[in-house]
Amino acid sequence: MGYKKATHVLPRELLTKVQEYIDGECLYIPRVSDNKKGWGASTSTRRELRDRNNRIYTDYLAGKRMEDLAEAYFLSLKSIQRIIRQKKKEHSE
């Protein structure tokens, strides 16, 4: 989400009307529902997490203990268990 100066994007009449309701404060204007992006669509975070989870699963299949994976990837044991459970489910379908 970026900030735009209202004087640069709104007609003067509309800006004056908005200032009647909120003057000098930040106002969030939500996206039109058809234009909403999914989580991670604007960054590489989704891909990076998928790659990390694939490495975790590969390490698990290679015989690494879940406790060791949790320590190596700085995650809780529950998170490692969840990732492995999800990957097992993906591979069984």
PDB file of N, CA and C in Angstrom:
ATOM      1  N   MET A   1       0.856  -1.157   0.000  1.00  0.00           N
ATOM      2  CA  MET A   1       0.000   0.000   0.000  1.00  0.00           C
ATOM      3  C   MET A   1       0.906   1.225   0.000  1.00  0.00           C
ATOM      4  N   GLY A   2       0.636   2.135  -0.919  1.00  0.00           N
ATOM      5  CA  GLY A   2       1.407   3.355  -0.990  1.00  0.00           C
ATOM      6  C   GLY A   2       0.533   4.555  -0.658  1.00  0.00           C
ATOM      7  N   TYR A   3       1.193   5.642  -0.365  1.00  0.00           N
ATOM      8  CA  TYR A   3       0.473   6.870  -0.051  1.00  0.00           C
ATOM      9  C   TYR A   3       0.548   7.813  -1.239  1.00  0.00           C
ATOM     10  N   LYS A   4      -0.530   8.474  -1.499  1.00  0.00           N
ATOM     11  CA  LYS A   4      -0.601   9.477  -2.551  1.00  0.00           C
ATOM     12  C   LYS A   4      -1.113  10.763  -1.936  1.00  0.00           C
ATOM     13  N   LYS A   5      -0.628  11.864  -2.425  1.00  0.00           N
ATOM     14  CA  LYS A   5      -1.079  13.159  -1.936  1.00  0.00           C
ATOM     15  C   LYS A   5      -2.440  13.451  -2.556  1.00  0.00           C
ATOM     16  N   ALA A   6      -3.428  13.689  -1.698  1.00  0.00           N
ATOM     17  CA  ALA A   6      -4.805  13.880  -2.154  1.00  0.00           C
ATOM     18  C   ALA A   6      -4.917  15.019  -3.160  1.00  0.00           C
ATOM     19  N   THR A   7      -4.135  16.076  -2.981  1.00  0.00           N
ATOM     20  CA  THR A   7      -4.209  17.208  -3.908  1.00  0.00           C
ATOM     21  C   THR A   7      -3.742  16.835  -5.309  1.00  0.00           C
ATOM     22  N   HIS A   8      -2.988  15.723  -5.415  1.00  0.00           N
ATOM     23  CA  HIS A   8      -2.496  15.285  -6.727  1.00  0.00           C
ATOM     24  C   HIS A   8      -3.470  14.344  -7.440  1.00  0.00           C
ATOM     25  N   VAL A   9      -4.387  13.730  -6.697  1.00  0.00           N
ATOM     26  CA  VAL A   9      -5.236  12.715  -7.330  1.00  0.00           C
ATOM     27  C   VAL A   9      -6.740  13.015  -7.258  1.00  0.00           C
ATOM     28  N   LEU A  10      -7.159  13.898  -6.378  1.00  0.00           N
ATOM     29  CA  LEU A  10      -8.597  14.184  -6.235  1.00  0.00           C
ATOM     30  C   LEU A  10      -8.938  15.561  -6.776  1.00  0.00           C
ATOM     31  N   PRO A  11     -10.096  15.680  -7.399  1.00  0.00           N
ATOM     32  CA  PRO A  11     -10.554  17.015  -7.807  1.00  0.00           C
ATOM     33  C   PRO A  11     -10.751  17.887  -6.566  1.00  0.00           C
ATOM     34  N   ARG A  12     -10.544  19.180  -6.700  1.00  0.00           N
ATOM     35  CA  ARG A  12     -10.617  20.115  -5.572  1.00  0.00           C
ATOM     36  C   ARG A  12     -11.954  20.006  -4.835  1.00  0.00           C
ATOM     37  N   GLU A  13     -13.065  19.890  -5.569  1.00  0.00           N
ATOM     38  CA  GLU A  13     -14.389  19.810  -4.941  1.00  0.00           C
ATOM     39  C   GLU A  13     -14.510  18.568  -4.062  1.00  0.00           C
ATOM     40  N   LEU A  14     -13.988  17.459  -4.553  1.00  0.00           N
ATOM     41  CA  LEU A  14     -14.057  16.216  -3.782  1.00  0.00           C
ATOM     42  C   LEU A  14     -13.164  16.300  -2.552  1.00  0.00           C
ATOM     43  N   LEU A  15     -11.996  16.855  -2.701  1.00  0.00           N
ATOM     44  CA  LEU A  15     -11.082  17.007  -1.570  1.00  0.00           C
ATOM     45  C   LEU A  15     -11.714  17.879  -0.487  1.00  0.00           C
ATOM     46  N   THR A  16     -12.352  18.953  -0.889  1.00  0.00           N
ATOM     47  CA  THR A  16     -13.025  19.830   0.074  1.00  0.00           C
ATOM     48  C   THR A  16     -14.121  19.069   0.809  1.00  0.00           C
ATOM     49  N   LYS A  17     -14.868  18.253   0.097  1.00  0.00           N
ATOM     50  CA  LYS A  17     -15.942  17.464   0.703  1.00  0.00           C
ATOM     51  C   LYS A  17     -15.363  16.440   1.692  1.00  0.00           C
ATOM     52  N   VAL A  18     -14.279  15.771   1.339  1.00  0.00           N
ATOM     53  CA  VAL A  18     -13.649  14.792   2.220  1.00  0.00           C
ATOM     54  C   VAL A  18     -13.139  15.496   3.485  1.00  0.00           C
ATOM     55  N   GLN A  19     -12.592  16.690   3.327  1.00  0.00           N
ATOM     56  CA  GLN A  19     -12.067  17.435   4.471  1.00  0.00           C
ATOM     57  C   GLN A  19     -13.161  17.824   5.463  1.00  0.00           C
ATOM     58  N   GLU A  20     -14.398  17.835   5.034  1.00  0.00           N
ATOM     59  CA  GLU A  20     -15.503  18.098   5.963  1.00  0.00           C
ATOM     60  C   GLU A  20     -15.630  16.946   6.973  1.00  0.00           C
ATOM     61  N   TYR A  21     -15.259  15.750   6.563  1.00  0.00           N
ATOM     62  CA  TYR A  21     -15.399  14.564   7.407  1.00  0.00           C
ATOM     63  C   TYR A  21     -14.107  14.222   8.148  1.00  0.00           C
ATOM     64  N   ILE A  22     -12.996  14.403   7.481  1.00  0.00           N
ATOM     65  CA  ILE A  22     -11.697  14.062   8.077  1.00  0.00           C
ATOM     66  C   ILE A  22     -10.684  15.079   7.571  1.00  0.00           C
ATOM     67  N   ASP A  23     -10.118  15.836   8.485  1.00  0.00           N
ATOM     68  CA  ASP A  23      -9.225  16.931   8.097  1.00  0.00           C
ATOM     69  C   ASP A  23      -7.818  16.694   8.639  1.00  0.00           C
ATOM     70  N   GLY A  24      -6.869  16.494   7.732  1.00  0.00           N
ATOM     71  CA  GLY A  24      -5.474  16.359   8.127  1.00  0.00           C
ATOM     72  C   GLY A  24      -5.098  15.016   8.717  1.00  0.00           C
ATOM     73  N   GLU A  25      -5.919  13.999   8.531  1.00  0.00           N
ATOM     74  CA  GLU A  25      -5.600  12.664   9.044  1.00  0.00           C
ATOM     75  C   GLU A  25      -5.495  11.688   7.884  1.00  0.00           C
ATOM     76  N   CYS A  26      -4.944  10.513   8.177  1.00  0.00           N
ATOM     77  CA  CYS A  26      -4.819   9.475   7.152  1.00  0.00           C
ATOM     78  C   CYS A  26      -6.159   8.793   6.941  1.00  0.00           C
ATOM     79  N   LEU A  27      -6.432   8.476   5.708  1.00  0.00           N
ATOM     80  CA  LEU A  27      -7.675   7.803   5.346  1.00  0.00           C
ATOM     81  C   LEU A  27      -7.324   6.623   4.451  1.00  0.00           C
ATOM     82  N   TYR A  28      -7.768   5.436   4.838  1.00  0.00           N
ATOM     83  CA  TYR A  28      -7.519   4.241   4.035  1.00  0.00           C
ATOM     84  C   TYR A  28      -8.677   4.064   3.069  1.00  0.00           C
ATOM     85  N   ILE A  29      -8.367   3.923   1.802  1.00  0.00           N
ATOM     86  CA  ILE A  29      -9.387   3.671   0.785  1.00  0.00           C
ATOM     87  C   ILE A  29      -9.141   2.260   0.266  1.00  0.00           C
ATOM     88  N   PRO A  30     -10.058   1.326   0.559  1.00  0.00           N
ATOM     89  CA  PRO A  30      -9.841  -0.074   0.161  1.00  0.00           C
ATOM     90  C   PRO A  30      -9.911  -0.249  -1.354  1.00  0.00           C
ATOM     91  N   ARG A  31      -9.264  -1.304  -1.816  1.00  0.00           N
ATOM     92  CA  ARG A  31      -9.305  -1.632  -3.242  1.00  0.00           C
ATOM     93  C   ARG A  31     -10.693  -2.105  -3.627  1.00  0.00           C
ATOM     94  N   VAL A  32     -11.026  -1.938  -4.878  1.00  0.00           N
ATOM     95  CA  VAL A  32     -12.237  -2.517  -5.433  1.00  0.00           C
ATOM     96  C   VAL A  32     -12.057  -4.027  -5.362  1.00  0.00           C
ATOM     97  N   SER A  33     -13.078  -4.750  -4.943  1.00  0.00           N
ATOM     98  CA  SER A  33     -12.923  -6.187  -4.695  1.00  0.00           C
ATOM     99  C   SER A  33     -12.395  -6.947  -5.915  1.00  0.00           C
ATOM    100  N   ASP A  34     -12.717  -6.514  -7.110  1.00  0.00           N
ATOM    101  CA  ASP A  34     -12.220  -7.186  -8.313  1.00  0.00           C
ATOM    102  C   ASP A  34     -10.724  -6.989  -8.513  1.00  0.00           C
ATOM    103  N   ASN A  35     -10.155  -5.978  -7.867  1.00  0.00           N
ATOM    104  CA  ASN A  35      -8.738  -5.669  -8.043  1.00  0.00           C
ATOM    105  C   ASN A  35      -7.862  -6.193  -6.917  1.00  0.00           C
ATOM    106  N   LYS A  36      -8.445  -6.870  -5.934  1.00  0.00           N
ATOM    107  CA  LYS A  36      -7.664  -7.337  -4.795  1.00  0.00           C
ATOM    108  C   LYS A  36      -6.687  -8.409  -5.232  1.00  0.00           C
ATOM    109  N   LYS A  37      -5.496  -8.349  -4.646  1.00  0.00           N
ATOM    110  CA  LYS A  37      -4.463  -9.333  -4.933  1.00  0.00           C
ATOM    111  C   LYS A  37      -4.411 -10.339  -3.794  1.00  0.00           C
ATOM    112  N   GLY A  38      -4.045 -11.542  -4.108  1.00  0.00           N
ATOM    113  CA  GLY A  38      -3.904 -12.572  -3.091  1.00  0.00           C
ATOM    114  C   GLY A  38      -2.655 -12.340  -2.255  1.00  0.00           C
ATOM    115  N   TRP A  39      -2.611 -12.999  -1.094  1.00  0.00           N
ATOM    116  CA  TRP A  39      -1.475 -12.848  -0.204  1.00  0.00           C
ATOM    117  C   TRP A  39      -0.201 -13.267  -0.926  1.00  0.00           C
ATOM    118  N   GLY A  40       0.817 -12.434  -0.865  1.00  0.00           N
ATOM    119  CA  GLY A  40       2.104 -12.755  -1.454  1.00  0.00           C
ATOM    120  C   GLY A  40       2.204 -12.512  -2.942  1.00  0.00           C
ATOM    121  N   ALA A  41       1.151 -11.976  -3.556  1.00  0.00           N
ATOM    122  CA  ALA A  41       1.157 -11.775  -5.002  1.00  0.00           C
ATOM    123  C   ALA A  41       2.104 -10.659  -5.432  1.00  0.00           C
ATOM    124  N   SER A  42       2.371  -9.711  -4.564  1.00  0.00           N
ATOM    125  CA  SER A  42       3.216  -8.574  -4.920  1.00  0.00           C
ATOM    126  C   SER A  42       4.675  -8.768  -4.545  1.00  0.00           C
ATOM    127  N   THR A  43       4.989  -9.819  -3.810  1.00  0.00           N
ATOM    128  CA  THR A  43       6.360 -10.059  -3.365  1.00  0.00           C
ATOM    129  C   THR A  43       6.756 -11.501  -3.659  1.00  0.00           C
ATOM    130  N   SER A  44       7.973 -11.834  -3.325  1.00  0.00           N
ATOM    131  CA  SER A  44       8.446 -13.207  -3.537  1.00  0.00           C
ATOM    132  C   SER A  44       8.252 -14.073  -2.297  1.00  0.00           C
ATOM    133  N   THR A  45       7.569 -13.549  -1.280  1.00  0.00           N
ATOM    134  CA  THR A  45       7.431 -14.270  -0.010  1.00  0.00           C
ATOM    135  C   THR A  45       6.778 -15.627  -0.188  1.00  0.00           C
ATOM    136  N   ARG A  46       5.715 -15.696  -0.961  1.00  0.00           N
ATOM    137  CA  ARG A  46       5.015 -16.968  -1.157  1.00  0.00           C
ATOM    138  C   ARG A  46       5.935 -18.023  -1.761  1.00  0.00           C
ATOM    139  N   ARG A  47       6.702 -17.628  -2.781  1.00  0.00           N
ATOM    140  CA  ARG A  47       7.630 -18.564  -3.430  1.00  0.00           C
ATOM    141  C   ARG A  47       8.733 -18.984  -2.466  1.00  0.00           C
ATOM    142  N   GLU A  48       9.262 -18.022  -1.694  1.00  0.00           N
ATOM    143  CA  GLU A  48      10.332 -18.327  -0.748  1.00  0.00           C
ATOM    144  C   GLU A  48       9.869 -19.302   0.326  1.00  0.00           C
ATOM    145  N   LEU A  49       8.656 -19.127   0.824  1.00  0.00           N
ATOM    146  CA  LEU A  49       8.123 -20.046   1.840  1.00  0.00           C
ATOM    147  C   LEU A  49       7.874 -21.434   1.250  1.00  0.00           C
ATOM    148  N   ARG A  50       7.370 -21.476   0.020  1.00  0.00           N
ATOM    149  CA  ARG A  50       7.147 -22.770  -0.632  1.00  0.00           C
ATOM    150  C   ARG A  50       8.474 -23.504  -0.810  1.00  0.00           C
ATOM    151  N   ASP A  51       9.517 -22.774  -1.249  1.00  0.00           N
ATOM    152  CA  ASP A  51      10.835 -23.382  -1.432  1.00  0.00           C
ATOM    153  C   ASP A  51      11.402 -23.869  -0.098  1.00  0.00           C
ATOM    154  N   ARG A  52      11.264 -23.041   0.947  1.00  0.00           N
ATOM    155  CA  ARG A  52      11.750 -23.434   2.274  1.00  0.00           C
ATOM    156  C   ARG A  52      11.034 -24.693   2.749  1.00  0.00           C
ATOM    157  N   ASN A  53       9.712 -24.728   2.594  1.00  0.00           N
ATOM    158  CA  ASN A  53       8.943 -25.890   3.043  1.00  0.00           C
ATOM    159  C   ASN A  53       9.317 -27.142   2.259  1.00  0.00           C
ATOM    160  N   ASN A  54       9.605 -26.981   0.978  1.00  0.00           N
ATOM    161  CA  ASN A  54      10.062 -28.127   0.183  1.00  0.00           C
ATOM    162  C   ASN A  54      11.402 -28.642   0.689  1.00  0.00           C
ATOM    163  N   ARG A  55      12.307 -27.719   1.060  1.00  0.00           N
ATOM    164  CA  ARG A  55      13.608 -28.138   1.618  1.00  0.00           C
ATOM    165  C   ARG A  55      13.414 -28.862   2.945  1.00  0.00           C
ATOM    166  N   ILE A  56      12.512 -28.363   3.767  1.00  0.00           N
ATOM    167  CA  ILE A  56      12.233 -29.009   5.056  1.00  0.00           C
ATOM    168  C   ILE A  56      11.740 -30.431   4.825  1.00  0.00           C
ATOM    169  N   TYR A  57      10.817 -30.599   3.900  1.00  0.00           N
ATOM    170  CA  TYR A  57      10.259 -31.924   3.628  1.00  0.00           C
ATOM    171  C   TYR A  57      11.333 -32.859   3.056  1.00  0.00           C
ATOM    172  N   THR A  58      12.161 -32.337   2.163  1.00  0.00           N
ATOM    173  CA  THR A  58      13.250 -33.136   1.594  1.00  0.00           C
ATOM    174  C   THR A  58      14.219 -33.577   2.687  1.00  0.00           C
ATOM    175  N   ASP A  59      14.566 -32.653   3.584  1.00  0.00           N
ATOM    176  CA  ASP A  59      15.453 -32.993   4.702  1.00  0.00           C
ATOM    177  C   ASP A  59      14.815 -34.051   5.603  1.00  0.00           C
ATOM    178  N   TYR A  60      13.509 -33.928   5.838  1.00  0.00           N
ATOM    179  CA  TYR A  60      12.783 -34.896   6.665  1.00  0.00           C
ATOM    180  C   TYR A  60      12.825 -36.278   6.015  1.00  0.00           C
ATOM    181  N   LEU A  61      12.574 -36.323   4.701  1.00  0.00           N
ATOM    182  CA  LEU A  61      12.605 -37.608   3.990  1.00  0.00           C
ATOM    183  C   LEU A  61      14.007 -38.211   3.987  1.00  0.00           C
ATOM    184  N   ALA A  62      15.018 -37.353   4.067  1.00  0.00           N
ATOM    185  CA  ALA A  62      16.408 -37.827   4.098  1.00  0.00           C
ATOM    186  C   ALA A  62      16.799 -38.334   5.484  1.00  0.00           C
ATOM    187  N   GLY A  63      15.885 -38.223   6.456  1.00  0.00           N
ATOM    188  CA  GLY A  63      16.139 -38.800   7.761  1.00  0.00           C
ATOM    189  C   GLY A  63      16.417 -37.820   8.888  1.00  0.00           C
ATOM    190  N   LYS A  64      16.342 -36.543   8.613  1.00  0.00           N
ATOM    191  CA  LYS A  64      16.577 -35.574   9.690  1.00  0.00           C
ATOM    192  C   LYS A  64      15.410 -35.577  10.663  1.00  0.00           C
ATOM    193  N   ARG A  65      15.735 -35.441  11.935  1.00  0.00           N
ATOM    194  CA  ARG A  65      14.706 -35.409  12.979  1.00  0.00           C
ATOM    195  C   ARG A  65      13.968 -34.070  12.943  1.00  0.00           C
ATOM    196  N   MET A  66      12.697 -34.094  13.314  1.00  0.00           N
ATOM    197  CA  MET A  66      11.894 -32.883  13.323  1.00  0.00           C
ATOM    198  C   MET A  66      12.464 -31.829  14.276  1.00  0.00           C
ATOM    199  N   GLU A  67      12.979 -32.280  15.408  1.00  0.00           N
ATOM    200  CA  GLU A  67      13.567 -31.349  16.375  1.00  0.00           C
ATOM    201  C   GLU A  67      14.769 -30.625  15.774  1.00  0.00           C
ATOM    202  N   ASP A  68      15.573 -31.364  14.999  1.00  0.00           N
ATOM    203  CA  ASP A  68      16.742 -30.758  14.355  1.00  0.00           C
ATOM    204  C   ASP A  68      16.312 -29.775  13.260  1.00  0.00           C
ATOM    205  N   LEU A  69      15.248 -30.121  12.537  1.00  0.00           N
ATOM    206  CA  LEU A  69      14.732 -29.220  11.504  1.00  0.00           C
ATOM    207  C   LEU A  69      14.208 -27.930  12.126  1.00  0.00           C
ATOM    208  N   ALA A  70      13.513 -28.054  13.239  1.00  0.00           N
ATOM    209  CA  ALA A  70      12.990 -26.873  13.924  1.00  0.00           C
ATOM    210  C   ALA A  70      14.126 -25.938  14.309  1.00  0.00           C
ATOM    211  N   GLU A  71      15.204 -26.511  14.805  1.00  0.00           N
ATOM    212  CA  GLU A  71      16.346 -25.689  15.211  1.00  0.00           C
ATOM    213  C   GLU A  71      17.047 -25.085  13.996  1.00  0.00           C
ATOM    214  N   ALA A  72      17.201 -25.864  12.949  1.00  0.00           N
ATOM    215  CA  ALA A  72      17.911 -25.394  11.753  1.00  0.00           C
ATOM    216  C   ALA A  72      17.155 -24.283  11.030  1.00  0.00           C
ATOM    217  N   TYR A  73      15.832 -24.364  11.021  1.00  0.00           N
ATOM    218  CA  TYR A  73      15.023 -23.389  10.285  1.00  0.00           C
ATOM    219  C   TYR A  73      14.398 -22.326  11.198  1.00  0.00           C
ATOM    220  N   PHE A  74      14.771 -22.355  12.475  1.00  0.00           N
ATOM    221  CA  PHE A  74      14.271 -21.373  13.445  1.00  0.00           C
ATOM    222  C   PHE A  74      12.745 -21.349  13.500  1.00  0.00           C
ATOM    223  N   LEU A  75      12.153 -22.542  13.523  1.00  0.00           N
ATOM    224  CA  LEU A  75      10.699 -22.695  13.610  1.00  0.00           C
ATOM    225  C   LEU A  75      10.367 -23.549  14.829  1.00  0.00           C
ATOM    226  N   SER A  76       9.122 -23.461  15.265  1.00  0.00           N
ATOM    227  CA  SER A  76       8.695 -24.311  16.364  1.00  0.00           C
ATOM    228  C   SER A  76       8.510 -25.738  15.857  1.00  0.00           C
ATOM    229  N   LEU A  77       8.548 -26.669  16.777  1.00  0.00           N
ATOM    230  CA  LEU A  77       8.320 -28.063  16.412  1.00  0.00           C
ATOM    231  C   LEU A  77       6.936 -28.238  15.790  1.00  0.00           C
ATOM    232  N   LYS A  78       5.948 -27.522  16.332  1.00  0.00           N
ATOM    233  CA  LYS A  78       4.580 -27.588  15.782  1.00  0.00           C
ATOM    234  C   LYS A  78       4.549 -27.121  14.331  1.00  0.00           C
ATOM    235  N   SER A  79       5.297 -26.069  14.008  1.00  0.00           N
ATOM    236  CA  SER A  79       5.339 -25.570  12.628  1.00  0.00           C
ATOM    237  C   SER A  79       5.964 -26.599  11.696  1.00  0.00           C
ATOM    238  N   ILE A  80       7.031 -27.232  12.142  1.00  0.00           N
ATOM    239  CA  ILE A  80       7.678 -28.273  11.330  1.00  0.00           C
ATOM    240  C   ILE A  80       6.708 -29.431  11.103  1.00  0.00           C
ATOM    241  N   GLN A  81       6.010 -29.833  12.152  1.00  0.00           N
ATOM    242  CA  GLN A  81       5.041 -30.924  12.029  1.00  0.00           C
ATOM    243  C   GLN A  81       3.929 -30.554  11.044  1.00  0.00           C
ATOM    244  N   ARG A  82       3.459 -29.311  11.104  1.00  0.00           N
ATOM    245  CA  ARG A  82       2.400 -28.854  10.197  1.00  0.00           C
ATOM    246  C   ARG A  82       2.894 -28.873   8.754  1.00  0.00           C
ATOM    247  N   ILE A  83       4.107 -28.380   8.512  1.00  0.00           N
ATOM    248  CA  ILE A  83       4.671 -28.353   7.161  1.00  0.00           C
ATOM    249  C   ILE A  83       4.815 -29.767   6.614  1.00  0.00           C
ATOM    250  N   ILE A  84       5.332 -30.678   7.417  1.00  0.00           N
ATOM    251  CA  ILE A  84       5.514 -32.064   6.962  1.00  0.00           C
ATOM    252  C   ILE A  84       4.171 -32.728   6.696  1.00  0.00           C
ATOM    253  N   ARG A  85       3.194 -32.483   7.569  1.00  0.00           N
ATOM    254  CA  ARG A  85       1.856 -33.042   7.368  1.00  0.00           C
ATOM    255  C   ARG A  85       1.252 -32.535   6.048  1.00  0.00           C
ATOM    256  N   GLN A  86       1.396 -31.235   5.768  1.00  0.00           N
ATOM    257  CA  GLN A  86       0.875 -30.674   4.526  1.00  0.00           C
ATOM    258  C   GLN A  86       1.565 -31.256   3.305  1.00  0.00           C
ATOM    259  N   LYS A  87       2.882 -31.407   3.388  1.00  0.00           N
ATOM    260  CA  LYS A  87       3.635 -31.948   2.261  1.00  0.00           C
ATOM    261  C   LYS A  87       3.286 -33.420   2.014  1.00  0.00           C
ATOM    262  N   LYS A  88       3.108 -34.175   3.091  1.00  0.00           N
ATOM    263  CA  LYS A  88       2.688 -35.578   2.927  1.00  0.00           C
ATOM    264  C   LYS A  88       1.341 -35.646   2.224  1.00  0.00           C
ATOM    265  N   LYS A  89       0.436 -34.781   2.621  1.00  0.00           N
ATOM    266  CA  LYS A  89      -0.893 -34.749   2.016  1.00  0.00           C
ATOM    267  C   LYS A  89      -0.802 -34.383   0.540  1.00  0.00           C
ATOM    268  N   GLU A  90       0.032 -33.391   0.188  1.00  0.00           N
ATOM    269  CA  GLU A  90       0.215 -32.993  -1.209  1.00  0.00           C
ATOM    270  C   GLU A  90       0.735 -34.149  -2.050  1.00  0.00           C
ATOM    271  N   HIS A  91       1.671 -34.904  -1.503  1.00  0.00           N
ATOM    272  CA  HIS A  91       2.297 -35.987  -2.256  1.00  0.00           C
ATOM    273  C   HIS A  91       1.430 -37.241  -2.329  1.00  0.00           C
ATOM    274  N   SER A  92       0.432 -37.336  -1.472  1.00  0.00           N
ATOM    275  CA  SER A  92      -0.427 -38.513  -1.507  1.00  0.00           C
ATOM    276  C   SER A  92      -1.631 -38.321  -2.433  1.00  0.00           C
ATOM    277  N   GLU A  93      -1.869 -37.096  -2.828  1.00  0.00           N
ATOM    278  CA  GLU A  93      -3.047 -36.818  -3.695  1.00  0.00           C
ATOM    279  C   GLU A  93      -2.737 -37.050  -5.142  1.00  0.00           C
TER     280      GLU A  93
END
